Amino acid sequence: MKIGIAGMGRMGTAMAMRLLEQGHEITVWNRTPEKTAAAAGAGAAVVPTPAALASACDSIITILTNAAAMEAVYTGKDGLLSGNVRGKLLIEMSTVRGDDHRALAPKVAAKGAALIECPVSGTVKPAREGTLVGFAGGTPEAFTEAQPLLEQLCRRVELIGAMGSGSSMKLAVNLILIVFWQALAEACSLMESVPIEPERLIDLLADSNIGANILKVRGASVAAALDGKDTGAARASFDVDFMRKDLRDMLEEAKALGIALPAAASTLRCFDEASSAAFGKIDGTQYPAWWISHTETAQA
């Protein structure tokens, strides 16, 4: 297949590498051209504009930072929808609100293209291995067309419902994940006076009746940070600032629905503190260690 990918951040690059290995012809674009270097080095073609990407490919994946970036890539100068998209499939994978995807859908339809949203759960390693979980929203026809490609990126992909429902599912999943990092930080702080090795502490938490799978997968990184062996110098896969963006989207969605998300609101305030202290780029696995250090400093 001739597949285009717009957005060469960590996830977009990992997806490009995965699809190249599956034998597809990949073309990429990114607002900052230097971010296309890794994919280009692996054999992907690079184009100068989203419009050129649309014209060169049969299917286009977009995975972008936020709703403003998504709007610019689709409808801005030399955007995807100014290129030749008639009869083509557009797969929008950004983590945004459902309203953002619902607003995009008629613009894509007016150009004669099919749109499916499919935000995913998982970070760089699952993207590279094709083991993400995808939450699709759109028509059954568009999902059927997209499914063979999505199944090369995801170990499980489901049509949740109409356009916007996939985004809602992704925000729901991320709410649990993001609040978990704050809860884990507070749980670890309760154990500060207990002489237990960080590795053993995390192993016990992972094996408890509330143990999260992410501790089994990434617990070693959490323990290393708690033990002072990982200060966050390693590249983050899901950093505090990205989590803050998602929390703000969740709270906007809750406001529109007339519901309250007190745990999300409280977590956002805590993450805002980390970002204000210049720790917005640390990974979630380093956050518990930062939280303990921060609270100890505040009490001193």
C-alpha atoms as a PDB file:
ATOM      1  CA  MET A   1       0.000   0.000   0.000  1.00  0.00           C
ATOM      2  CA  LYS A   2       1.015   3.615  -0.540  1.00  0.00           C
ATOM      3  CA  ILE A   3       0.591   5.062   2.948  1.00  0.00           C
ATOM      4  CA  GLY A   4       1.234   8.631   4.072  1.00  0.00           C
ATOM      5  CA  ILE A   5       1.869   9.688   7.654  1.00  0.00           C
ATOM      6  CA  ALA A   6       1.548  13.295   8.802  1.00  0.00           C
ATOM      7  CA  GLY A   7       3.160  13.895  12.182  1.00  0.00           C
ATOM      8  CA  MET A   8       6.635  12.508  12.800  1.00  0.00           C
ATOM      9  CA  GLY A   9       6.698  12.705  16.555  1.00  0.00           C
ATOM     10  CA  ARG A  10       7.641   9.646  18.582  1.00  0.00           C
ATOM     11  CA  MET A  11       4.445   7.753  17.728  1.00  0.00           C
ATOM     12  CA  GLY A  12       4.312   8.725  14.061  1.00  0.00           C
ATOM     13  CA  THR A  13       7.915   7.702  13.560  1.00  0.00           C
ATOM     14  CA  ALA A  14       7.362   4.350  15.290  1.00  0.00           C
ATOM     15  CA  MET A  15       4.315   3.696  13.083  1.00  0.00           C
ATOM     16  CA  ALA A  16       6.289   4.561   9.959  1.00  0.00           C
ATOM     17  CA  MET A  17       9.010   2.105  10.942  1.00  0.00           C
ATOM     18  CA  ARG A  18       6.443  -0.588  11.656  1.00  0.00           C
ATOM     19  CA  LEU A  19       4.675  -0.152   8.325  1.00  0.00           C
ATOM     20  CA  LEU A  20       7.940  -0.035   6.387  1.00  0.00           C
ATOM     21  CA  GLU A  21       8.778  -3.433   7.874  1.00  0.00           C
ATOM     22  CA  GLN A  22       5.385  -4.698   6.719  1.00  0.00           C
ATOM     23  CA  GLY A  23       6.427  -3.956   3.148  1.00  0.00           C
ATOM     24  CA  HIS A  24       4.429  -0.791   2.498  1.00  0.00           C
ATOM     25  CA  GLU A  25       5.557   2.246   0.521  1.00  0.00           C
ATOM     26  CA  ILE A  26       5.642   5.016   3.131  1.00  0.00           C
ATOM     27  CA  THR A  27       5.717   8.761   2.566  1.00  0.00           C
ATOM     28  CA  VAL A  28       5.966  11.173   5.505  1.00  0.00           C
ATOM     29  CA  TRP A  29       5.554  14.840   6.330  1.00  0.00           C
ATOM     30  CA  ASN A  30       6.243  16.880   9.432  1.00  0.00           C
ATOM     31  CA  ARG A  31       6.012  20.583  10.174  1.00  0.00           C
ATOM     32  CA  THR A  32       9.606  20.414  11.460  1.00  0.00           C
ATOM     33  CA  PRO A  33      11.394  18.628   8.578  1.00  0.00           C
ATOM     34  CA  GLU A  34      14.316  17.334  10.663  1.00  0.00           C
ATOM     35  CA  LYS A  35      11.922  15.028  12.536  1.00  0.00           C
ATOM     36  CA  THR A  36      11.477  13.014   9.330  1.00  0.00           C
ATOM     37  CA  ALA A  37      15.144  11.950   9.335  1.00  0.00           C
ATOM     38  CA  ALA A  38      14.700   8.611  11.110  1.00  0.00           C
ATOM     39  CA  ALA A  39      11.875   7.478   8.829  1.00  0.00           C
ATOM     40  CA  ALA A  40      13.725   8.722   5.742  1.00  0.00           C
ATOM     41  CA  GLY A  41      16.805   6.805   6.811  1.00  0.00           C
ATOM     42  CA  ALA A  42      14.691   3.650   6.989  1.00  0.00           C
ATOM     43  CA  GLY A  43      13.379   4.122   3.460  1.00  0.00           C
ATOM     44  CA  ALA A  44      10.404   6.490   3.692  1.00  0.00           C
ATOM     45  CA  ALA A  45       9.952   9.252   1.136  1.00  0.00           C
ATOM     46  CA  VAL A  46       9.579  12.818   2.438  1.00  0.00           C
ATOM     47  CA  VAL A  47       7.303  15.497   0.976  1.00  0.00           C
ATOM     48  CA  PRO A  48       7.265  19.245   1.690  1.00  0.00           C
ATOM     49  CA  THR A  49       3.537  19.744   2.411  1.00  0.00           C
ATOM     50  CA  PRO A  50       0.458  17.836   3.603  1.00  0.00           C
ATOM     51  CA  ALA A  51      -1.117  18.507   0.185  1.00  0.00           C
ATOM     52  CA  ALA A  52       1.781  16.683  -1.487  1.00  0.00           C
ATOM     53  CA  LEU A  53       1.318  13.816   0.976  1.00  0.00           C
ATOM     54  CA  ALA A  54      -2.365  13.540   0.030  1.00  0.00           C
ATOM     55  CA  SER A  55      -1.561  13.435  -3.657  1.00  0.00           C
ATOM     56  CA  ALA A  56       1.177  10.824  -3.282  1.00  0.00           C
ATOM     57  CA  CYS A  57      -0.691   8.260  -1.168  1.00  0.00           C
ATOM     58  CA  ASP A  58      -3.823   6.125  -1.167  1.00  0.00           C
ATOM     59  CA  SER A  59      -4.271   6.146   2.622  1.00  0.00           C
ATOM     60  CA  ILE A  60      -3.093   8.861   5.013  1.00  0.00           C
ATOM     61  CA  ILE A  61      -2.568   8.542   8.765  1.00  0.00           C
ATOM     62  CA  THR A  62      -2.437  11.720  10.836  1.00  0.00           C
ATOM     63  CA  ILE A  63      -1.177  11.684  14.410  1.00  0.00           C
ATOM     64  CA  LEU A  64      -0.697  15.236  15.667  1.00  0.00           C
ATOM     65  CA  THR A  65      -0.074  17.132  18.887  1.00  0.00           C
ATOM     66  CA  ASN A  66      -3.475  18.711  19.438  1.00  0.00           C
ATOM     67  CA  ALA A  67      -6.673  19.953  17.793  1.00  0.00           C
ATOM     68  CA  ALA A  68      -5.050  23.162  16.509  1.00  0.00           C
ATOM     69  CA  ALA A  69      -2.325  21.164  14.762  1.00  0.00           C
ATOM     70  CA  MET A  70      -4.937  18.805  13.322  1.00  0.00           C
ATOM     71  CA  GLU A  71      -6.978  21.708  11.929  1.00  0.00           C
ATOM     72  CA  ALA A  72      -3.892  23.292  10.377  1.00  0.00           C
ATOM     73  CA  VAL A  73      -2.726  20.062   8.734  1.00  0.00           C
ATOM     74  CA  TYR A  74      -6.134  19.339   7.236  1.00  0.00           C
ATOM     75  CA  THR A  75      -7.470  22.772   6.297  1.00  0.00           C
ATOM     76  CA  GLY A  76      -4.533  25.193   6.440  1.00  0.00           C
ATOM     77  CA  LYS A  77      -2.439  26.467   3.537  1.00  0.00           C
ATOM     78  CA  ASP A  78      -1.228  23.448   1.533  1.00  0.00           C
ATOM     79  CA  GLY A  79      -3.214  21.243   3.922  1.00  0.00           C
ATOM     80  CA  LEU A  80      -4.315  17.689   3.205  1.00  0.00           C
ATOM     81  CA  LEU A  81      -7.732  18.753   1.955  1.00  0.00           C
ATOM     82  CA  SER A  82      -6.172  21.066  -0.624  1.00  0.00           C
ATOM     83  CA  GLY A  83      -4.525  18.025  -2.203  1.00  0.00           C
ATOM     84  CA  ASN A  84      -6.023  15.174  -4.176  1.00  0.00           C
ATOM     85  CA  VAL A  85      -7.943  13.173  -1.555  1.00  0.00           C
ATOM     86  CA  ARG A  86     -11.016  12.124  -3.553  1.00  0.00           C
ATOM     87  CA  GLY A  87     -11.682   8.426  -3.045  1.00  0.00           C
ATOM     88  CA  LYS A  88      -8.925   8.117  -0.451  1.00  0.00           C
ATOM     89  CA  LEU A  89      -8.939   6.993   3.199  1.00  0.00           C
ATOM     90  CA  LEU A  90      -7.886   9.347   5.997  1.00  0.00           C
ATOM     91  CA  ILE A  91      -7.174   7.822   9.411  1.00  0.00           C
ATOM     92  CA  GLU A  92      -7.011  10.456  12.164  1.00  0.00           C
ATOM     93  CA  MET A  93      -5.222   9.136  15.271  1.00  0.00           C
ATOM     94  CA  SER A  94      -4.594  12.284  17.332  1.00  0.00           C
ATOM     95  CA  THR A  95      -5.763  12.430  20.951  1.00  0.00           C
ATOM     96  CA  VAL A  96      -8.348  15.215  20.831  1.00  0.00           C
ATOM     97  CA  ARG A  97     -11.970  15.727  21.861  1.00  0.00           C
ATOM     98  CA  GLY A  98     -14.781  14.039  19.999  1.00  0.00           C
ATOM     99  CA  ASP A  99     -16.103  17.444  18.929  1.00  0.00           C
ATOM    100  CA  ASP A 100     -12.830  18.050  17.065  1.00  0.00           C
ATOM    101  CA  HIS A 101     -13.230  14.908  14.978  1.00  0.00           C
ATOM    102  CA  ARG A 102     -16.943  15.554  14.435  1.00  0.00           C
ATOM    103  CA  ALA A 103     -16.111  19.033  13.123  1.00  0.00           C
ATOM    104  CA  LEU A 104     -13.500  17.610  10.752  1.00  0.00           C
ATOM    105  CA  ALA A 105     -15.708  14.860   9.287  1.00  0.00           C
ATOM    106  CA  PRO A 106     -17.941  17.003   6.990  1.00  0.00           C
ATOM    107  CA  LYS A 107     -14.899  18.870   5.650  1.00  0.00           C
ATOM    108  CA  VAL A 108     -13.334  15.572   4.616  1.00  0.00           C
ATOM    109  CA  ALA A 109     -16.614  14.278   3.173  1.00  0.00           C
ATOM    110  CA  ALA A 110     -16.972  17.439   1.083  1.00  0.00           C
ATOM    111  CA  LYS A 111     -13.691  16.533  -0.646  1.00  0.00           C
ATOM    112  CA  GLY A 112     -14.915  13.029  -1.489  1.00  0.00           C
ATOM    113  CA  ALA A 113     -12.664  11.197   0.975  1.00  0.00           C
ATOM    114  CA  ALA A 114     -13.460   8.733   3.773  1.00  0.00           C
ATOM    115  CA  LEU A 115     -12.514   9.547   7.386  1.00  0.00           C
ATOM    116  CA  ILE A 116     -12.137   7.231  10.350  1.00  0.00           C
ATOM    117  CA  GLU A 117     -10.852   8.360  13.729  1.00  0.00           C
ATOM    118  CA  CYS A 118      -8.726   5.856  15.618  1.00  0.00           C
ATOM    119  CA  PRO A 119      -6.786   7.184  18.610  1.00  0.00           C
ATOM    120  CA  VAL A 120      -4.722   4.445  20.225  1.00  0.00           C
ATOM    121  CA  SER A 121      -3.671   3.268  23.658  1.00  0.00           C
ATOM    122  CA  GLY A 122       0.023   2.536  23.945  1.00  0.00           C
ATOM    123  CA  THR A 123       3.324   4.332  23.589  1.00  0.00           C
ATOM    124  CA  VAL A 124       6.361   4.059  21.334  1.00  0.00           C
ATOM    125  CA  LYS A 125       7.314   0.417  21.962  1.00  0.00           C
ATOM    126  CA  PRO A 126       3.809  -0.974  21.239  1.00  0.00           C
ATOM    127  CA  ALA A 127       3.592   1.273  18.166  1.00  0.00           C
ATOM    128  CA  ARG A 128       6.890  -0.125  16.915  1.00  0.00           C
ATOM    129  CA  GLU A 129       5.727  -3.696  17.581  1.00  0.00           C
ATOM    130  CA  GLY A 130       2.187  -3.325  16.234  1.00  0.00           C
ATOM    131  CA  THR A 131       0.558  -4.032  19.617  1.00  0.00           C
ATOM    132  CA  LEU A 132      -1.438  -0.838  20.197  1.00  0.00           C
ATOM    133  CA  VAL A 133      -5.150  -0.865  21.079  1.00  0.00           C
ATOM    134  CA  GLY A 134      -7.255   1.227  18.704  1.00  0.00           C
ATOM    135  CA  PHE A 135     -10.564   2.981  19.397  1.00  0.00           C
ATOM    136  CA  ALA A 136     -12.251   3.726  16.088  1.00  0.00           C
ATOM    137  CA  GLY A 137     -15.146   6.059  15.448  1.00  0.00           C
ATOM    138  CA  GLY A 138     -16.987   6.571  12.178  1.00  0.00           C
ATOM    139  CA  THR A 139     -19.098   4.630   9.727  1.00  0.00           C
ATOM    140  CA  PRO A 140     -18.934   0.823   9.510  1.00  0.00           C
ATOM    141  CA  GLU A 141     -17.933   1.200   5.846  1.00  0.00           C
ATOM    142  CA  ALA A 142     -14.925   3.419   6.651  1.00  0.00           C
ATOM    143  CA  PHE A 143     -13.910   1.108   9.484  1.00  0.00           C
ATOM    144  CA  THR A 144     -14.046  -1.944   7.211  1.00  0.00           C
ATOM    145  CA  GLU A 145     -11.803  -0.143   4.722  1.00  0.00           C
ATOM    146  CA  ALA A 146      -9.332   0.911   7.416  1.00  0.00           C
ATOM    147  CA  GLN A 147      -9.289  -2.333   9.404  1.00  0.00           C
ATOM    148  CA  PRO A 148      -6.598  -4.233   7.440  1.00  0.00           C
ATOM    149  CA  LEU A 149      -4.165  -1.342   7.919  1.00  0.00           C
ATOM    150  CA  LEU A 150      -5.109  -0.703  11.548  1.00  0.00           C
ATOM    151  CA  GLU A 151      -4.625  -4.376  12.391  1.00  0.00           C
ATOM    152  CA  GLN A 152      -0.973  -4.044  11.365  1.00  0.00           C
ATOM    153  CA  LEU A 153      -0.544  -1.364  14.037  1.00  0.00           C
ATOM    154  CA  CYS A 154      -2.866  -2.714  16.735  1.00  0.00           C
ATOM    155  CA  ARG A 155      -3.240  -6.022  18.553  1.00  0.00           C
ATOM    156  CA  ARG A 156      -6.890  -5.033  19.077  1.00  0.00           C
ATOM    157  CA  VAL A 157      -8.946  -2.438  17.245  1.00  0.00           C
ATOM    158  CA  GLU A 158     -12.681  -1.930  17.641  1.00  0.00           C
ATOM    159  CA  LEU A 159     -15.314   0.350  16.189  1.00  0.00           C
ATOM    160  CA  ILE A 160     -16.676   2.095  19.275  1.00  0.00           C
ATOM    161  CA  GLY A 161     -19.473   3.936  17.480  1.00  0.00           C
ATOM    162  CA  ALA A 162     -20.114   7.070  15.449  1.00  0.00           C
ATOM    163  CA  MET A 163     -17.492   9.749  14.786  1.00  0.00           C
ATOM    164  CA  GLY A 164     -16.250  11.165  18.098  1.00  0.00           C
ATOM    165  CA  SER A 165     -16.840   8.019  20.148  1.00  0.00           C
ATOM    166  CA  GLY A 166     -13.290   6.774  19.603  1.00  0.00           C
ATOM    167  CA  SER A 167     -11.937  10.044  20.994  1.00  0.00           C
ATOM    168  CA  SER A 168     -14.181   9.769  24.042  1.00  0.00           C
ATOM    169  CA  MET A 169     -12.918   6.229  24.665  1.00  0.00           C
ATOM    170  CA  LYS A 170      -9.294   7.352  24.381  1.00  0.00           C
ATOM    171  CA  LEU A 171      -9.832  10.153  26.902  1.00  0.00           C
ATOM    172  CA  ALA A 172     -11.522   7.687  29.274  1.00  0.00           C
ATOM    173  CA  VAL A 173      -8.558   5.299  29.006  1.00  0.00           C
ATOM    174  CA  ASN A 174      -6.042   8.090  29.506  1.00  0.00           C
ATOM    175  CA  LEU A 175      -7.909   9.427  32.531  1.00  0.00           C
ATOM    176  CA  ILE A 176      -7.318   6.140  34.336  1.00  0.00           C
ATOM    177  CA  LEU A 177      -3.667   6.023  33.246  1.00  0.00           C
ATOM    178  CA  ILE A 178      -2.836   9.622  34.146  1.00  0.00           C
ATOM    179  CA  VAL A 179      -4.580   9.624  37.523  1.00  0.00           C
ATOM    180  CA  PHE A 180      -2.773   6.333  38.193  1.00  0.00           C
ATOM    181  CA  TRP A 181       0.621   8.060  38.025  1.00  0.00           C
ATOM    182  CA  GLN A 182      -0.489  10.554  40.670  1.00  0.00           C
ATOM    183  CA  ALA A 183      -1.960   7.777  42.844  1.00  0.00           C
ATOM    184  CA  LEU A 184       1.250   5.751  42.498  1.00  0.00           C
ATOM    185  CA  ALA A 185       3.322   8.774  43.490  1.00  0.00           C
ATOM    186  CA  GLU A 186       1.250   9.252  46.629  1.00  0.00           C
ATOM    187  CA  ALA A 187       1.339   5.526  47.448  1.00  0.00           C
ATOM    188  CA  CYS A 188       5.122   5.502  47.168  1.00  0.00           C
ATOM    189  CA  SER A 189       5.347   8.571  49.403  1.00  0.00           C
ATOM    190  CA  LEU A 190       3.452   6.657  52.119  1.00  0.00           C
ATOM    191  CA  MET A 191       6.297   4.122  52.053  1.00  0.00           C
ATOM    192  CA  GLU A 192       9.141   6.645  52.385  1.00  0.00           C
ATOM    193  CA  SER A 193       9.673   5.830  56.071  1.00  0.00           C
ATOM    194  CA  VAL A 194       9.757   2.081  55.434  1.00  0.00           C
ATOM    195  CA  PRO A 195      13.191   0.562  54.611  1.00  0.00           C
ATOM    196  CA  ILE A 196      12.132  -1.347  51.515  1.00  0.00           C
ATOM    197  CA  GLU A 197      14.041  -1.406  48.236  1.00  0.00           C
ATOM    198  CA  PRO A 198      12.228   0.472  45.423  1.00  0.00           C
ATOM    199  CA  GLU A 199      12.380  -2.572  43.149  1.00  0.00           C
ATOM    200  CA  ARG A 200      10.710  -4.738  45.785  1.00  0.00           C
ATOM    201  CA  LEU A 201       8.122  -2.062  46.558  1.00  0.00           C
ATOM    202  CA  ILE A 202       7.069  -1.744  42.921  1.00  0.00           C
ATOM    203  CA  ASP A 203       7.040  -5.524  42.490  1.00  0.00           C
ATOM    204  CA  LEU A 204       4.674  -5.888  45.458  1.00  0.00           C
ATOM    205  CA  LEU A 205       2.416  -3.121  44.196  1.00  0.00           C
ATOM    206  CA  ALA A 206       2.324  -4.738  40.760  1.00  0.00           C
ATOM    207  CA  ASP A 207       1.414  -8.095  42.298  1.00  0.00           C
ATOM    208  CA  SER A 208      -1.334  -6.714  44.544  1.00  0.00           C
ATOM    209  CA  ASN A 209      -5.050  -6.935  43.812  1.00  0.00           C
ATOM    210  CA  ILE A 210      -4.922  -3.413  42.344  1.00  0.00           C
ATOM    211  CA  GLY A 211      -1.746  -4.035  40.385  1.00  0.00           C
ATOM    212  CA  ALA A 212      -1.774  -2.274  37.011  1.00  0.00           C
ATOM    213  CA  ASN A 213      -0.315  -3.941  33.931  1.00  0.00           C
ATOM    214  CA  ILE A 214       1.804  -0.844  33.304  1.00  0.00           C
ATOM    215  CA  LEU A 215       3.758  -1.623  36.495  1.00  0.00           C
ATOM    216  CA  LYS A 216       4.558  -5.064  35.154  1.00  0.00           C
ATOM    217  CA  VAL A 217       5.755  -3.535  31.871  1.00  0.00           C
ATOM    218  CA  ARG A 218       7.435  -0.356  33.122  1.00  0.00           C
ATOM    219  CA  GLY A 219       7.885  -0.956  36.839  1.00  0.00           C
ATOM    220  CA  ALA A 220      11.655  -1.291  36.499  1.00  0.00           C
ATOM    221  CA  SER A 221      11.831   2.304  35.242  1.00  0.00           C
ATOM    222  CA  VAL A 222       9.723   3.525  38.177  1.00  0.00           C
ATOM    223  CA  ALA A 223      11.956   1.680  40.652  1.00  0.00           C
ATOM    224  CA  ALA A 224      15.137   3.016  39.011  1.00  0.00           C
ATOM    225  CA  ALA A 225      13.842   6.591  39.331  1.00  0.00           C
ATOM    226  CA  LEU A 226      12.880   6.053  42.978  1.00  0.00           C
ATOM    227  CA  ASP A 227      16.359   4.653  43.606  1.00  0.00           C
ATOM    228  CA  GLY A 228      18.000   7.695  42.019  1.00  0.00           C
ATOM    229  CA  LYS A 229      19.347   5.687  39.083  1.00  0.00           C
ATOM    230  CA  ASP A 230      17.099   7.291  36.473  1.00  0.00           C
ATOM    231  CA  THR A 231      16.720  11.062  36.650  1.00  0.00           C
ATOM    232  CA  GLY A 232      14.564  11.380  33.558  1.00  0.00           C
ATOM    233  CA  ALA A 233      17.416  11.870  31.137  1.00  0.00           C
ATOM    234  CA  ALA A 234      16.015   9.054  28.989  1.00  0.00           C
ATOM    235  CA  ARG A 235      13.551  10.159  26.354  1.00  0.00           C
ATOM    236  CA  ALA A 236      10.013  10.200  27.720  1.00  0.00           C
ATOM    237  CA  SER A 237       7.306   8.170  25.997  1.00  0.00           C
ATOM    238  CA  PHE A 238       4.369  10.013  27.649  1.00  0.00           C
ATOM    239  CA  ASP A 239       5.549  13.108  29.471  1.00  0.00           C
ATOM    240  CA  VAL A 240       3.852  15.298  32.066  1.00  0.00           C
ATOM    241  CA  ASP A 241       3.086  18.107  29.611  1.00  0.00           C
ATOM    242  CA  PHE A 242       1.329  15.741  27.197  1.00  0.00           C
ATOM    243  CA  MET A 243      -0.669  14.368  30.109  1.00  0.00           C
ATOM    244  CA  ARG A 244      -1.623  17.910  31.114  1.00  0.00           C
ATOM    245  CA  LYS A 245      -2.946  18.499  27.589  1.00  0.00           C
ATOM    246  CA  ASP A 246      -5.094  15.376  27.809  1.00  0.00           C
ATOM    247  CA  LEU A 247      -6.370  16.324  31.271  1.00  0.00           C
ATOM    248  CA  ARG A 248      -7.462  19.716  29.965  1.00  0.00           C
ATOM    249  CA  ASP A 249      -9.311  17.996  27.107  1.00  0.00           C
ATOM    250  CA  MET A 250     -11.006  15.675  29.610  1.00  0.00           C
ATOM    251  CA  LEU A 251     -12.140  18.590  31.754  1.00  0.00           C
ATOM    252  CA  GLU A 252     -13.472  20.476  28.718  1.00  0.00           C
ATOM    253  CA  GLU A 253     -15.372  17.361  27.674  1.00  0.00           C
ATOM    254  CA  ALA A 254     -16.769  16.951  31.187  1.00  0.00           C
ATOM    255  CA  LYS A 255     -17.914  20.574  31.232  1.00  0.00           C
ATOM    256  CA  ALA A 256     -19.714  20.087  27.920  1.00  0.00           C
ATOM    257  CA  LEU A 257     -21.408  16.963  29.314  1.00  0.00           C
ATOM    258  CA  GLY A 258     -22.339  18.662  32.600  1.00  0.00           C
ATOM    259  CA  ILE A 259     -20.369  16.203  34.752  1.00  0.00           C
ATOM    260  CA  ALA A 260     -17.531  16.528  37.267  1.00  0.00           C
ATOM    261  CA  LEU A 261     -14.091  14.894  37.130  1.00  0.00           C
ATOM    262  CA  PRO A 262     -12.594  15.786  40.534  1.00  0.00           C
ATOM    263  CA  ALA A 263      -9.758  13.245  40.347  1.00  0.00           C
ATOM    264  CA  ALA A 264      -8.704  14.563  36.933  1.00  0.00           C
ATOM    265  CA  ALA A 265      -8.912  18.172  38.129  1.00  0.00           C
ATOM    266  CA  SER A 266      -6.782  17.469  41.192  1.00  0.00           C
ATOM    267  CA  THR A 267      -4.209  15.564  39.131  1.00  0.00           C
ATOM    268  CA  LEU A 268      -3.963  18.452  36.675  1.00  0.00           C
ATOM    269  CA  ARG A 269      -3.129  20.844  39.518  1.00  0.00           C
ATOM    270  CA  CYS A 270      -0.348  18.513  40.684  1.00  0.00           C
ATOM    271  CA  PHE A 271       1.031  18.104  37.163  1.00  0.00           C
ATOM    272  CA  ASP A 272       0.885  21.871  36.655  1.00  0.00           C
ATOM    273  CA  GLU A 273       3.213  22.175  39.663  1.00  0.00           C
ATOM    274  CA  ALA A 274       5.668  19.751  38.056  1.00  0.00           C
ATOM    275  CA  SER A 275       5.599  21.660  34.783  1.00  0.00           C
ATOM    276  CA  SER A 276       6.050  25.013  36.556  1.00  0.00           C
ATOM    277  CA  ALA A 277       9.106  23.549  38.275  1.00  0.00           C
ATOM    278  CA  ALA A 278      10.581  22.690  34.824  1.00  0.00           C
ATOM    279  CA  PHE A 279       9.730  18.980  35.046  1.00  0.00           C
ATOM    280  CA  GLY A 280       7.063  18.946  32.342  1.00  0.00           C
ATOM    281  CA  LYS A 281       9.158  16.750  30.052  1.00  0.00           C
ATOM    282  CA  ILE A 282       9.727  13.873  32.474  1.00  0.00           C
ATOM    283  CA  ASP A 283       8.061  10.552  31.748  1.00  0.00           C
ATOM    284  CA  GLY A 284       5.245   9.221  33.900  1.00  0.00           C
ATOM    285  CA  THR A 285       7.650   6.599  35.253  1.00  0.00           C
ATOM    286  CA  GLN A 286       9.833   9.355  36.722  1.00  0.00           C
ATOM    287  CA  TYR A 287       6.898  11.296  38.176  1.00  0.00           C
ATOM    288  CA  PRO A 288       6.582   9.389  41.514  1.00  0.00           C
ATOM    289  CA  ALA A 289      10.239  10.105  42.313  1.00  0.00           C
ATOM    290  CA  TRP A 290       9.739  13.787  41.449  1.00  0.00           C
ATOM    291  CA  TRP A 291       6.579  13.982  43.562  1.00  0.00           C
ATOM    292  CA  ILE A 292       8.321  12.554  46.645  1.00  0.00           C
ATOM    293  CA  SER A 293      11.250  14.961  46.222  1.00  0.00           C
ATOM    294  CA  HIS A 294       8.866  17.872  45.656  1.00  0.00           C
ATOM    295  CA  THR A 295       6.733  17.176  48.723  1.00  0.00           C
ATOM    296  CA  GLU A 296       9.799  16.665  50.915  1.00  0.00           C
ATOM    297  CA  THR A 297      11.194  20.018  49.732  1.00  0.00           C
ATOM    298  CA  ALA A 298       7.855  21.726  50.357  1.00  0.00           C
ATOM    299  CA  GLN A 299       7.761  20.405  53.938  1.00  0.00           C
ATOM    300  CA  ALA A 300      11.369  21.390  54.699  1.00  0.00           C
END
